C-alpha atoms as a PDB file:
ATOM      1  CA  MET A   1     -12.657 -12.681  26.079  1.00  0.00           C
ATOM      2  CA  ILE A   2     -10.780 -15.809  27.835  1.00  0.00           C
ATOM      3  CA  GLU A   3     -13.942 -17.050  29.498  1.00  0.00           C
ATOM      4  CA  GLN A   4     -16.104 -16.919  26.173  1.00  0.00           C
ATOM      5  CA  SER A   5     -13.368 -18.771  24.355  1.00  0.00           C
ATOM      6  CA  ILE A   6     -13.220 -21.672  27.056  1.00  0.00           C
ATOM      7  CA  ASN A   7     -17.152 -21.592  27.381  1.00  0.00           C
ATOM      8  CA  GLY A   8     -17.280 -22.555  23.230  1.00  0.00           C
ATOM      9  CA  SER A   9     -14.751 -24.967  23.304  1.00  0.00           C
ATOM     10  CA  SER A  10     -14.687 -28.439  22.004  1.00  0.00           C
ATOM     11  CA  VAL A  11     -13.873 -31.704  24.405  1.00  0.00           C
ATOM     12  CA  LEU A  12     -13.393 -35.450  23.069  1.00  0.00           C
ATOM     13  CA  VAL A  13     -14.343 -37.894  25.504  1.00  0.00           C
ATOM     14  CA  VAL A  14     -12.653 -41.304  24.663  1.00  0.00           C
ATOM     15  CA  ASP A  15     -13.839 -44.224  27.121  1.00  0.00           C
ATOM     16  CA  ASP A  16     -15.041 -47.580  26.272  1.00  0.00           C
ATOM     17  CA  LEU A  17     -17.695 -47.537  28.439  1.00  0.00           C
ATOM     18  CA  PRO A  18     -21.195 -45.908  27.073  1.00  0.00           C
ATOM     19  CA  LEU A  19     -22.182 -44.952  30.285  1.00  0.00           C
ATOM     20  CA  ASN A  20     -19.054 -43.392  31.128  1.00  0.00           C
ATOM     21  CA  ARG A  21     -19.188 -41.396  28.165  1.00  0.00           C
ATOM     22  CA  LYS A  22     -22.819 -40.133  28.578  1.00  0.00           C
ATOM     23  CA  LEU A  23     -22.502 -39.046  32.414  1.00  0.00           C
ATOM     24  CA  GLN A  24     -19.474 -36.815  30.815  1.00  0.00           C
ATOM     25  CA  LYS A  25     -20.741 -35.763  28.043  1.00  0.00           C
ATOM     26  CA  THR A  26     -23.981 -34.311  30.270  1.00  0.00           C
ATOM     27  CA  TYR A  27     -21.989 -32.908  32.576  1.00  0.00           C
ATOM     28  CA  LEU A  28     -19.697 -30.737  29.805  1.00  0.00           C
ATOM     29  CA  LYS A  29     -22.600 -29.887  27.684  1.00  0.00           C
ATOM     30  CA  GLU A  30     -24.220 -28.472  31.187  1.00  0.00           C
ATOM     31  CA  VAL A  31     -21.734 -25.672  30.761  1.00  0.00           C
ATOM     32  CA  GLY A  32     -21.579 -25.108  27.441  1.00  0.00           C
ATOM     33  CA  TYR A  33     -18.611 -27.372  26.104  1.00  0.00           C
ATOM     34  CA  GLN A  34     -18.864 -29.028  22.343  1.00  0.00           C
ATOM     35  CA  VAL A  35     -18.760 -32.549  23.135  1.00  0.00           C
ATOM     36  CA  HIS A  36     -17.275 -35.460  20.812  1.00  0.00           C
ATOM     37  CA  LEU A  37     -17.067 -38.908  21.665  1.00  0.00           C
ATOM     38  CA  ALA A  38     -15.199 -42.055  20.748  1.00  0.00           C
ATOM     39  CA  GLU A  39     -15.165 -45.317  22.187  1.00  0.00           C
ATOM     40  CA  ASN A  40     -11.787 -46.835  21.835  1.00  0.00           C
ATOM     41  CA  GLY A  41      -8.294 -45.562  20.916  1.00  0.00           C
ATOM     42  CA  ILE A  42      -8.481 -45.829  17.218  1.00  0.00           C
ATOM     43  CA  GLU A  43     -11.643 -44.286  16.789  1.00  0.00           C
ATOM     44  CA  ALA A  44     -10.004 -41.376  19.198  1.00  0.00           C
ATOM     45  CA  LEU A  45      -6.890 -40.740  17.067  1.00  0.00           C
ATOM     46  CA  GLN A  46      -9.560 -40.260  13.967  1.00  0.00           C
ATOM     47  CA  LYS A  47     -11.884 -38.005  15.644  1.00  0.00           C
ATOM     48  CA  VAL A  48      -8.897 -35.845  16.883  1.00  0.00           C
ATOM     49  CA  LYS A  49      -7.928 -35.439  13.072  1.00  0.00           C
ATOM     50  CA  GLN A  50     -11.645 -34.636  11.892  1.00  0.00           C
ATOM     51  CA  VAL A  51     -12.433 -32.397  14.616  1.00  0.00           C
ATOM     52  CA  SER A  52      -9.236 -31.216  16.194  1.00  0.00           C
ATOM     53  CA  PRO A  53     -10.822 -31.098  19.684  1.00  0.00           C
ATOM     54  CA  ASP A  54      -9.402 -28.364  22.161  1.00  0.00           C
ATOM     55  CA  LEU A  55      -8.960 -30.635  24.825  1.00  0.00           C
ATOM     56  CA  ILE A  56      -9.278 -34.605  25.240  1.00  0.00           C
ATOM     57  CA  LEU A  57     -10.531 -36.727  28.306  1.00  0.00           C
ATOM     58  CA  LEU A  58      -8.815 -39.959  27.689  1.00  0.00           C
ATOM     59  CA  ASP A  59      -9.618 -43.041  29.517  1.00  0.00           C
ATOM     60  CA  VAL A  60      -6.687 -45.057  30.233  1.00  0.00           C
ATOM     61  CA  MET A  61      -7.759 -48.697  30.632  1.00  0.00           C
ATOM     62  CA  MET A  62      -9.377 -49.444  26.902  1.00  0.00           C
ATOM     63  CA  PRO A  63      -9.201 -53.037  24.741  1.00  0.00           C
ATOM     64  CA  LYS A  64      -6.818 -52.915  21.778  1.00  0.00           C
ATOM     65  CA  MET A  65      -5.296 -49.307  22.223  1.00  0.00           C
ATOM     66  CA  ASP A  66      -5.013 -48.085  25.755  1.00  0.00           C
ATOM     67  CA  GLY A  67      -5.056 -44.355  27.007  1.00  0.00           C
ATOM     68  CA  PHE A  68      -1.075 -44.299  27.302  1.00  0.00           C
ATOM     69  CA  GLN A  69      -0.493 -45.446  23.560  1.00  0.00           C
ATOM     70  CA  VAL A  70      -3.078 -42.821  22.499  1.00  0.00           C
ATOM     71  CA  CYS A  71      -1.700 -40.533  24.607  1.00  0.00           C
ATOM     72  CA  ARG A  72       1.938 -40.883  22.957  1.00  0.00           C
ATOM     73  CA  HIS A  73       0.297 -40.941  19.333  1.00  0.00           C
ATOM     74  CA  ILE A  74      -0.847 -37.412  19.874  1.00  0.00           C
ATOM     75  CA  LYS A  75       1.692 -36.141  21.642  1.00  0.00           C
ATOM     76  CA  ASN A  76       4.385 -37.026  19.124  1.00  0.00           C
ATOM     77  CA  ASN A  77       2.495 -35.461  16.334  1.00  0.00           C
ATOM     78  CA  LEU A  78       3.209 -32.129  15.444  1.00  0.00           C
ATOM     79  CA  LYS A  79       0.073 -30.919  14.557  1.00  0.00           C
ATOM     80  CA  THR A  80      -1.775 -32.344  17.763  1.00  0.00           C
ATOM     81  CA  ARG A  81       0.906 -32.341  20.417  1.00  0.00           C
ATOM     82  CA  PHE A  82      -0.334 -29.318  22.021  1.00  0.00           C
ATOM     83  CA  ILE A  83      -4.008 -30.572  22.541  1.00  0.00           C
ATOM     84  CA  PRO A  84      -4.206 -30.801  26.468  1.00  0.00           C
ATOM     85  CA  ILE A  85      -4.924 -34.176  27.392  1.00  0.00           C
ATOM     86  CA  ILE A  86      -6.506 -35.261  30.648  1.00  0.00           C
ATOM     87  CA  MET A  87      -6.245 -38.989  31.922  1.00  0.00           C
ATOM     88  CA  VAL A  88      -9.222 -40.465  33.193  1.00  0.00           C
ATOM     89  CA  THR A  89      -8.164 -43.498  35.315  1.00  0.00           C
ATOM     90  CA  ALA A  90      -9.109 -46.140  38.024  1.00  0.00           C
ATOM     91  CA  LEU A  91      -5.640 -46.968  38.880  1.00  0.00           C
ATOM     92  CA  ASN A  92      -4.441 -44.425  41.555  1.00  0.00           C
ATOM     93  CA  GLU A  93      -1.178 -45.815  41.850  1.00  0.00           C
ATOM     94  CA  ILE A  94       1.958 -43.703  41.293  1.00  0.00           C
ATOM     95  CA  GLU A  95       3.733 -45.408  39.012  1.00  0.00           C
ATOM     96  CA  SER A  96       0.579 -45.348  36.361  1.00  0.00           C
ATOM     97  CA  LYS A  97       0.697 -41.602  36.794  1.00  0.00           C
ATOM     98  CA  ILE A  98       4.251 -41.621  35.852  1.00  0.00           C
ATOM     99  CA  LYS A  99       3.570 -43.722  32.837  1.00  0.00           C
ATOM    100  CA  GLY A 100       0.894 -41.428  32.137  1.00  0.00           C
ATOM    101  CA  ILE A 101       3.161 -38.029  32.229  1.00  0.00           C
ATOM    102  CA  GLU A 102       5.901 -39.744  30.159  1.00  0.00           C
ATOM    103  CA  ALA A 103       3.220 -40.359  27.742  1.00  0.00           C
ATOM    104  CA  GLY A 104       2.652 -36.732  27.473  1.00  0.00           C
ATOM    105  CA  ALA A 105      -0.484 -36.397  29.998  1.00  0.00           C
ATOM    106  CA  ASP A 106      -1.466 -32.998  31.342  1.00  0.00           C
ATOM    107  CA  ASP A 107      -3.600 -33.790  34.208  1.00  0.00           C
ATOM    108  CA  PHE A 108      -5.331 -36.865  35.618  1.00  0.00           C
ATOM    109  CA  ILE A 109      -8.768 -37.390  37.173  1.00  0.00           C
ATOM    110  CA  CYS A 110      -9.329 -40.394  39.114  1.00  0.00           C
ATOM    111  CA  LYS A 111     -12.529 -42.608  38.908  1.00  0.00           C
ATOM    112  CA  PRO A 112     -15.522 -42.226  40.299  1.00  0.00           C
ATOM    113  CA  PHE A 113     -14.506 -38.726  39.558  1.00  0.00           C
ATOM    114  CA  ASN A 114     -16.589 -35.701  41.302  1.00  0.00           C
ATOM    115  CA  LYS A 115     -18.275 -33.663  38.727  1.00  0.00           C
ATOM    116  CA  HIS A 116     -17.382 -30.268  39.918  1.00  0.00           C
ATOM    117  CA  GLU A 117     -13.494 -31.362  40.190  1.00  0.00           C
ATOM    118  CA  LEU A 118     -13.684 -32.769  36.390  1.00  0.00           C
ATOM    119  CA  LEU A 119     -15.281 -29.515  35.139  1.00  0.00           C
ATOM    120  CA  ALA A 120     -12.328 -27.767  37.200  1.00  0.00           C
ATOM    121  CA  ARG A 121      -9.658 -29.503  35.506  1.00  0.00           C
ATOM    122  CA  VAL A 122     -11.064 -29.339  32.270  1.00  0.00           C
ATOM    123  CA  LYS A 123     -11.679 -25.389  32.573  1.00  0.00           C
ATOM    124  CA  SER A 124      -8.201 -25.179  34.314  1.00  0.00           C
ATOM    125  CA  LEU A 125      -6.428 -26.559  31.111  1.00  0.00           C
ATOM    126  CA  LEU A 126      -8.530 -25.066  28.877  1.00  0.00           C
ATOM    127  CA  ARG A 127      -7.737 -21.653  30.107  1.00  0.00           C
ATOM    128  CA  ILE A 128      -3.979 -22.400  30.037  1.00  0.00           C
ATOM    129  CA  LYS A 129      -4.218 -23.244  26.659  1.00  0.00           C
ATOM    130  CA  HIS A 130      -6.098 -20.186  25.300  1.00  0.00           C
ATOM    131  CA  LEU A 131      -3.820 -18.014  26.967  1.00  0.00           C
ATOM    132  CA  ASN A 132      -0.933 -20.092  25.427  1.00  0.00           C
ATOM    133  CA  LYS A 133      -2.685 -19.542  22.376  1.00  0.00           C
ATOM    134  CA  GLU A 134      -3.373 -15.324  22.907  1.00  0.00           C
ATOM    135  CA  LEU A 135       0.442 -15.403  23.958  1.00  0.00           C
ATOM    136  CA  GLN A 136       1.888 -17.270  20.695  1.00  0.00           C
ATOM    137  CA  ILE A 137      -0.526 -14.744  18.630  1.00  0.00           C
ATOM    138  CA  LYS A 138       0.973 -11.448  20.998  1.00  0.00           C
ATOM    139  CA  ILE A 139       4.308 -13.033  20.168  1.00  0.00           C
ATOM    140  CA  ARG A 140       3.729 -12.954  16.369  1.00  0.00           C
ATOM    141  CA  GLN A 141       2.183  -9.512  16.226  1.00  0.00           C
ATOM    142  CA  LEU A 142       5.473  -8.331  17.967  1.00  0.00           C
ATOM    143  CA  GLU A 143       7.505 -10.219  15.337  1.00  0.00           C
ATOM    144  CA  ASN A 144       5.957  -8.726  12.435  1.00  0.00           C
ATOM    145  CA  ALA A 145       5.793  -5.004  14.034  1.00  0.00           C
ATOM    146  CA  HIS A 146       9.788  -5.602  14.481  1.00  0.00           C
ATOM    147  CA  VAL A 147       9.881  -6.877  10.720  1.00  0.00           C
ATOM    148  CA  LYS A 148       8.033  -3.632   9.789  1.00  0.00           C
ATOM    149  CA  LEU A 149       9.910  -1.157  11.727  1.00  0.00           C
ATOM    150  CA  LYS A 150      13.277  -2.572  10.574  1.00  0.00           C
ATOM    151  CA  LYS A 151      11.993  -2.287   7.130  1.00  0.00           C
ATOM    152  CA  LEU A 152      10.935   1.197   7.765  1.00  0.00           C
ATOM    153  CA  ALA A 153      14.726   1.993   9.453  1.00  0.00           C
ATOM    154  CA  ILE A 154      16.158   0.899   5.645  1.00  0.00           C
ATOM    155  CA  THR A 155      13.318   2.005   3.476  1.00  0.00           C
ATOM    156  CA  ASP A 156      12.760   5.473   1.808  1.00  0.00           C
ATOM    157  CA  GLY A 157       9.247   6.187   2.418  1.00  0.00           C
ATOM    158  CA  LEU A 158       8.607   7.378  -0.904  1.00  0.00           C
ATOM    159  CA  THR A 159       9.994   5.313  -3.474  1.00  0.00           C
ATOM    160  CA  GLU A 160       9.878   2.021  -1.243  1.00  0.00           C
ATOM    161  CA  LEU A 161      13.551   1.705  -2.163  1.00  0.00           C
ATOM    162  CA  TYR A 162      16.434   1.286   0.338  1.00  0.00           C
ATOM    163  CA  ASN A 163      17.341   4.511   1.905  1.00  0.00           C
ATOM    164  CA  TYR A 164      21.284   5.847   1.850  1.00  0.00           C
ATOM    165  CA  ARG A 165      21.857   4.165   5.119  1.00  0.00           C
ATOM    166  CA  PHE A 166      21.235   0.643   3.945  1.00  0.00           C
ATOM    167  CA  PHE A 167      23.069   1.479   0.841  1.00  0.00           C
ATOM    168  CA  LYS A 168      26.435   2.320   2.804  1.00  0.00           C
ATOM    169  CA  GLU A 169      26.053  -0.423   5.154  1.00  0.00           C
ATOM    170  CA  GLN A 170      25.677  -2.828   1.918  1.00  0.00           C
ATOM    171  CA  LEU A 171      28.243  -1.446  -0.034  1.00  0.00           C
ATOM    172  CA  THR A 172      30.904  -1.126   2.949  1.00  0.00           C
ATOM    173  CA  LYS A 173      30.086  -5.142   2.958  1.00  0.00           C
ATOM    174  CA  GLU A 174      30.230  -5.796  -0.659  1.00  0.00           C
ATOM    175  CA  ILE A 175      33.326  -4.254  -0.991  1.00  0.00           C
ATOM    176  CA  ILE A 176      34.911  -6.409   1.929  1.00  0.00           C
ATOM    177  CA  ARG A 177      33.442  -9.657   0.068  1.00  0.00           C
ATOM    178  CA  ALA A 178      34.627  -8.681  -3.309  1.00  0.00           C
ATOM    179  CA  GLU A 179      38.277  -7.980  -2.042  1.00  0.00           C
ATOM    180  CA  ARG A 180      38.192 -11.568  -0.077  1.00  0.00           C
ATOM    181  CA  HIS A 181      37.123 -13.170  -3.140  1.00  0.00           C
ATOM    182  CA  GLY A 182      38.557 -11.450  -5.581  1.00  0.00           C
ATOM    183  CA  SER A 183      35.432 -10.319  -7.520  1.00  0.00           C
ATOM    184  CA  ARG A 184      34.110  -7.135  -8.493  1.00  0.00           C
ATOM    185  CA  VAL A 185      31.128  -4.728  -7.518  1.00  0.00           C
ATOM    186  CA  SER A 186      30.176  -1.873  -9.569  1.00  0.00           C
ATOM    187  CA  ILE A 187      27.912   1.396  -8.131  1.00  0.00           C
ATOM    188  CA  VAL A 188      26.038   3.507 -10.268  1.00  0.00           C
ATOM    189  CA  MET A 189      24.745   6.991  -8.939  1.00  0.00           C
ATOM    190  CA  LEU A 190      21.903   8.111 -11.152  1.00  0.00           C
ATOM    191  CA  ASP A 191      20.243  11.596 -11.399  1.00  0.00           C
ATOM    192  CA  ILE A 192      17.470  12.936 -12.634  1.00  0.00           C
ATOM    193  CA  ASP A 193      17.710  15.862 -15.504  1.00  0.00           C
ATOM    194  CA  TYR A 194      16.489  18.984 -14.919  1.00  0.00           C
ATOM    195  CA  PHE A 195      13.927  17.647 -11.820  1.00  0.00           C
ATOM    196  CA  LYS A 196      13.957  20.783  -9.630  1.00  0.00           C
ATOM    197  CA  ASN A 197      12.771  22.757 -13.094  1.00  0.00           C
ATOM    198  CA  TYR A 198      10.425  19.849 -13.343  1.00  0.00           C
ATOM    199  CA  ASN A 199       8.971  20.047  -9.544  1.00  0.00           C
ATOM    200  CA  ASP A 200       8.828  24.194  -9.564  1.00  0.00           C
ATOM    201  CA  THR A 201       6.697  23.958 -12.820  1.00  0.00           C
ATOM    202  CA  ASN A 202       4.219  20.894 -11.940  1.00  0.00           C
ATOM    203  CA  GLY A 203       4.343  20.360  -8.591  1.00  0.00           C
ATOM    204  CA  HIS A 204       5.420  17.938  -5.847  1.00  0.00           C
ATOM    205  CA  PRO A 205       2.722  15.508  -6.361  1.00  0.00           C
ATOM    206  CA  ALA A 206       3.885  15.580  -9.879  1.00  0.00           C
ATOM    207  CA  GLY A 207       7.417  15.077  -9.156  1.00  0.00           C
ATOM    208  CA  ASP A 208       6.897  12.480  -6.361  1.00  0.00           C
ATOM    209  CA  TYR A 209       5.230  10.315  -9.426  1.00  0.00           C
ATOM    210  CA  VAL A 210       8.260  10.593 -10.988  1.00  0.00           C
ATOM    211  CA  LEU A 211      10.670   9.419  -8.564  1.00  0.00           C
ATOM    212  CA  LYS A 212       8.205   6.570  -7.728  1.00  0.00           C
ATOM    213  CA  THR A 213       7.943   5.509 -11.507  1.00  0.00           C
ATOM    214  CA  ILE A 214      11.844   5.735 -11.861  1.00  0.00           C
ATOM    215  CA  ALA A 215      12.392   3.799  -8.570  1.00  0.00           C
ATOM    216  CA  GLY A 216      10.023   1.128 -10.122  1.00  0.00           C
ATOM    217  CA  LEU A 217      12.147   0.732 -13.209  1.00  0.00           C
ATOM    218  CA  LEU A 218      15.179   0.365 -11.337  1.00  0.00           C
ATOM    219  CA  ARG A 219      13.654  -2.419  -8.987  1.00  0.00           C
ATOM    220  CA  ASN A 220      12.371  -4.036 -12.048  1.00  0.00           C
ATOM    221  CA  ASN A 221      15.712  -4.095 -14.103  1.00  0.00           C
ATOM    222  CA  ILE A 222      18.182  -5.522 -11.562  1.00  0.00           C
ATOM    223  CA  ARG A 223      18.935  -8.881 -10.281  1.00  0.00           C
ATOM    224  CA  ASN A 224      17.309 -10.045  -7.032  1.00  0.00           C
ATOM    225  CA  LEU A 225      20.933  -9.795  -5.801  1.00  0.00           C
ATOM    226  CA  ASP A 226      21.496  -6.477  -6.475  1.00  0.00           C
ATOM    227  CA  ILE A 227      20.675  -3.085  -4.559  1.00  0.00           C
ATOM    228  CA  ALA A 228      18.777  -0.120  -5.696  1.00  0.00           C
ATOM    229  CA  ALA A 229      18.209   2.829  -3.484  1.00  0.00           C
ATOM    230  CA  ARG A 230      17.418   6.378  -3.103  1.00  0.00           C
ATOM    231  CA  TYR A 231      20.890   8.415  -2.335  1.00  0.00           C
ATOM    232  CA  GLY A 232      18.754  11.298  -1.504  1.00  0.00           C
ATOM    233  CA  GLY A 233      16.528  14.039  -3.375  1.00  0.00           C
ATOM    234  CA  GLU A 234      16.075  12.544  -7.056  1.00  0.00           C
ATOM    235  CA  GLU A 235      19.454  10.859  -6.735  1.00  0.00           C
ATOM    236  CA  PHE A 236      19.341   7.120  -6.667  1.00  0.00           C
ATOM    237  CA  SER A 237      22.240   4.603  -6.610  1.00  0.00           C
ATOM    238  CA  LEU A 238      22.658   1.075  -7.485  1.00  0.00           C
ATOM    239  CA  ILE A 239      25.026  -1.799  -6.295  1.00  0.00           C
ATOM    240  CA  LEU A 240      25.649  -4.392  -8.652  1.00  0.00           C
ATOM    241  CA  ILE A 241      27.109  -7.274  -6.813  1.00  0.00           C
ATOM    242  CA  GLU A 242      29.800  -9.206  -8.751  1.00  0.00           C
ATOM    243  CA  THR A 243      29.745  -6.844 -11.786  1.00  0.00           C
ATOM    244  CA  GLY A 244      32.228  -5.417 -13.932  1.00  0.00           C
ATOM    245  CA  LYS A 245      32.655  -2.117 -15.515  1.00  0.00           C
ATOM    246  CA  ASP A 246      31.163  -3.361 -18.549  1.00  0.00           C
ATOM    247  CA  ALA A 247      28.058  -5.276 -17.392  1.00  0.00           C
ATOM    248  CA  ALA A 248      27.331  -2.217 -15.274  1.00  0.00           C
ATOM    249  CA  GLY A 249      27.401   0.029 -18.321  1.00  0.00           C
ATOM    250  CA  PHE A 250      25.201  -2.500 -20.006  1.00  0.00           C
ATOM    251  CA  VAL A 251      22.380  -2.259 -16.967  1.00  0.00           C
ATOM    252  CA  SER A 252      22.971   1.344 -16.607  1.00  0.00           C
ATOM    253  CA  ASN A 253      22.337   2.117 -20.285  1.00  0.00           C
ATOM    254  CA  LYS A 254      19.076   0.256 -20.667  1.00  0.00           C
ATOM    255  CA  ILE A 255      17.629   1.834 -17.449  1.00  0.00           C
ATOM    256  CA  LYS A 256      18.834   5.059 -19.208  1.00  0.00           C
ATOM    257  CA  ASN A 257      16.819   4.135 -22.121  1.00  0.00           C
ATOM    258  CA  LEU A 258      13.771   2.621 -20.338  1.00  0.00           C
ATOM    259  CA  VAL A 259      13.541   6.025 -18.490  1.00  0.00           C
ATOM    260  CA  GLU A 260      13.538   8.452 -21.918  1.00  0.00           C
ATOM    261  CA  ASN A 261      11.040   5.724 -23.239  1.00  0.00           C
ATOM    262  CA  THR A 262       8.578   6.330 -20.560  1.00  0.00           C
ATOM    263  CA  LYS A 263       5.963   8.557 -20.862  1.00  0.00           C
ATOM    264  CA  PHE A 264       5.806  11.226 -18.034  1.00  0.00           C
ATOM    265  CA  ARG A 265       3.174  14.011 -17.784  1.00  0.00           C
ATOM    266  CA  TYR A 266       4.265  17.560 -18.355  1.00  0.00           C
ATOM    267  CA  GLU A 267       7.757  16.319 -19.773  1.00  0.00           C
ATOM    268  CA  GLU A 268       7.528  18.383 -22.792  1.00  0.00           C
ATOM    269  CA  SER A 269       7.799  21.416 -20.609  1.00  0.00           C
ATOM    270  CA  GLN A 270      11.367  20.026 -19.815  1.00  0.00           C
ATOM    271  CA  PRO A 271      14.560  21.923 -21.288  1.00  0.00           C
ATOM    272  CA  ASN A 272      15.211  19.209 -23.595  1.00  0.00           C
ATOM    273  CA  GLY A 273      11.222  18.381 -23.993  1.00  0.00           C
ATOM    274  CA  LYS A 274      11.821  14.894 -22.257  1.00  0.00           C
ATOM    275  CA  LEU A 275      12.333  13.411 -18.697  1.00  0.00           C
ATOM    276  CA  THR A 276      15.863  11.701 -18.729  1.00  0.00           C
ATOM    277  CA  VAL A 277      18.654  10.670 -16.291  1.00  0.00           C
ATOM    278  CA  SER A 278      22.297  10.859 -16.203  1.00  0.00           C
ATOM    279  CA  MET A 279      24.558   8.264 -14.747  1.00  0.00           C
ATOM    280  CA  GLY A 280      27.892   7.677 -13.454  1.00  0.00           C
ATOM    281  CA  VAL A 281      29.929   3.968 -13.000  1.00  0.00           C
ATOM    282  CA  ALA A 282      32.455   3.069 -10.936  1.00  0.00           C
ATOM    283  CA  THR A 283      33.925  -0.450 -10.108  1.00  0.00           C
ATOM    284  CA  PHE A 284      35.816  -2.084  -7.233  1.00  0.00           C
ATOM    285  CA  PRO A 285      38.990  -2.460  -7.136  1.00  0.00           C
ATOM    286  CA  GLU A 286      40.117  -0.325 -10.358  1.00  0.00           C
ATOM    287  CA  ASP A 287      38.079   2.706  -9.508  1.00  0.00           C
ATOM    288  CA  GLY A 288      38.204   2.912  -5.810  1.00  0.00           C
ATOM    289  CA  LYS A 289      38.819   0.261  -2.941  1.00  0.00           C
ATOM    290  CA  THR A 290      36.452   2.105  -0.277  1.00  0.00           C
ATOM    291  CA  PHE A 291      32.908   3.328   0.401  1.00  0.00           C
ATOM    292  CA  ASP A 292      33.937   6.740  -0.288  1.00  0.00           C
ATOM    293  CA  GLU A 293      36.240   6.322  -2.955  1.00  0.00           C
ATOM    294  CA  LEU A 294      33.797   4.282  -5.079  1.00  0.00           C
ATOM    295  CA  VAL A 295      30.918   6.772  -4.149  1.00  0.00           C
ATOM    296  CA  ALA A 296      33.569   9.792  -4.896  1.00  0.00           C
ATOM    297  CA  MET A 297      34.235   8.236  -8.616  1.00  0.00           C
ATOM    298  CA  ALA A 298      31.046   7.417  -9.294  1.00  0.00           C
ATOM    299  CA  ASP A 299      29.302  11.203  -8.561  1.00  0.00           C
ATOM    300  CA  LYS A 300      32.332  12.515 -10.496  1.00  0.00           C
ATOM    301  CA  ARG A 301      31.409  10.464 -13.569  1.00  0.00           C
ATOM    302  CA  LEU A 302      27.452  11.355 -12.996  1.00  0.00           C
ATOM    303  CA  TYR A 303      29.072  15.271 -13.096  1.00  0.00           C
ATOM    304  CA  LYS A 304      30.850  14.581 -16.486  1.00  0.00           C
ATOM    305  CA  ALA A 305      27.423  12.880 -17.263  1.00  0.00           C
ATOM    306  CA  LYS A 306      25.585  16.184 -16.742  1.00  0.00           C
ATOM    307  CA  LYS A 307      28.098  18.901 -17.988  1.00  0.00           C
ATOM    308  CA  GLY A 308      28.466  16.532 -21.261  1.00  0.00           C
ATOM    309  CA  GLY A 309      25.030  17.357 -22.171  1.00  0.00           C
ATOM    310  CA  ARG A 310      22.923  14.805 -19.719  1.00  0.00           C
ATOM    311  CA  ASN A 311      20.655  11.682 -20.974  1.00  0.00           C
ATOM    312  CA  GLN A 312      23.778   9.537 -20.855  1.00  0.00           C
ATOM    313  CA  VAL A 313      25.899   7.054 -19.334  1.00  0.00           C
ATOM    314  CA  VAL A 314      29.664   7.867 -18.430  1.00  0.00           C
ATOM    315  CA  LEU A 315      31.830   4.875 -17.374  1.00  0.00           C
ATOM    316  CA  VAL A 316      35.271   6.262 -17.200  1.00  0.00           C
END
């Protein structure tokens, strides 16, 4: 795979002497490289933008803009800095090589160069570049896999809402934040009325569709900073951040009405002829100051809503 990538690579040859350009082009094309030519530094910078070569063979001694200047331009550009550069020089002094390294050169070859040495150095740098490219791809794949795994760990597989674990972690954090800033946070516990009857009568696929539809209503009718979660079974929960009792009641009644007005298949077979939800609301700090206290109060009010006839929101 690496060898195939190397063989099809593009090389930019920069030299002010036509004979040198022709010679390098001949050597490179013989082994399958695509070759682009530039006869001076200014043209080289233009060609780099146009063709984005995989490697540059860069002559040092050129008029107007020498190879050191060209190298610095390329290496100082975020878009081109990782293109490997082999500086081709007639200068063999250590000072010139140090200057080239400081400019960003990756390798050197001295004139007159040997064909096999030239091709070996080109191939070596291209191999490193392609290996690094593959490494970066693998790193991105691992990062994406990590993101997916993290999402799976906090997401309910059916509804794609957050799961109980994430709900508990976030509510605990929001309680601490609300206490620190003297603000409020409300939670809503929501249960689908007579869901077991619906599931038993119409089958799990129909029940799953109801769960996903109601999850969508929750997701689409809260703010981006709020949190909707599947608490378990047919029960859902909301965390309404910096939200008092009245505002939480408004949101809850809106969702209750949306569910009531949504047409579900087979809902006429329900005891009240319609799929509906019951909801209980609790607010920090007046209804509880810990996770357990708030959830217990919201559950108590949810139970009160069910005992009171269902399809309602209980705030107190």
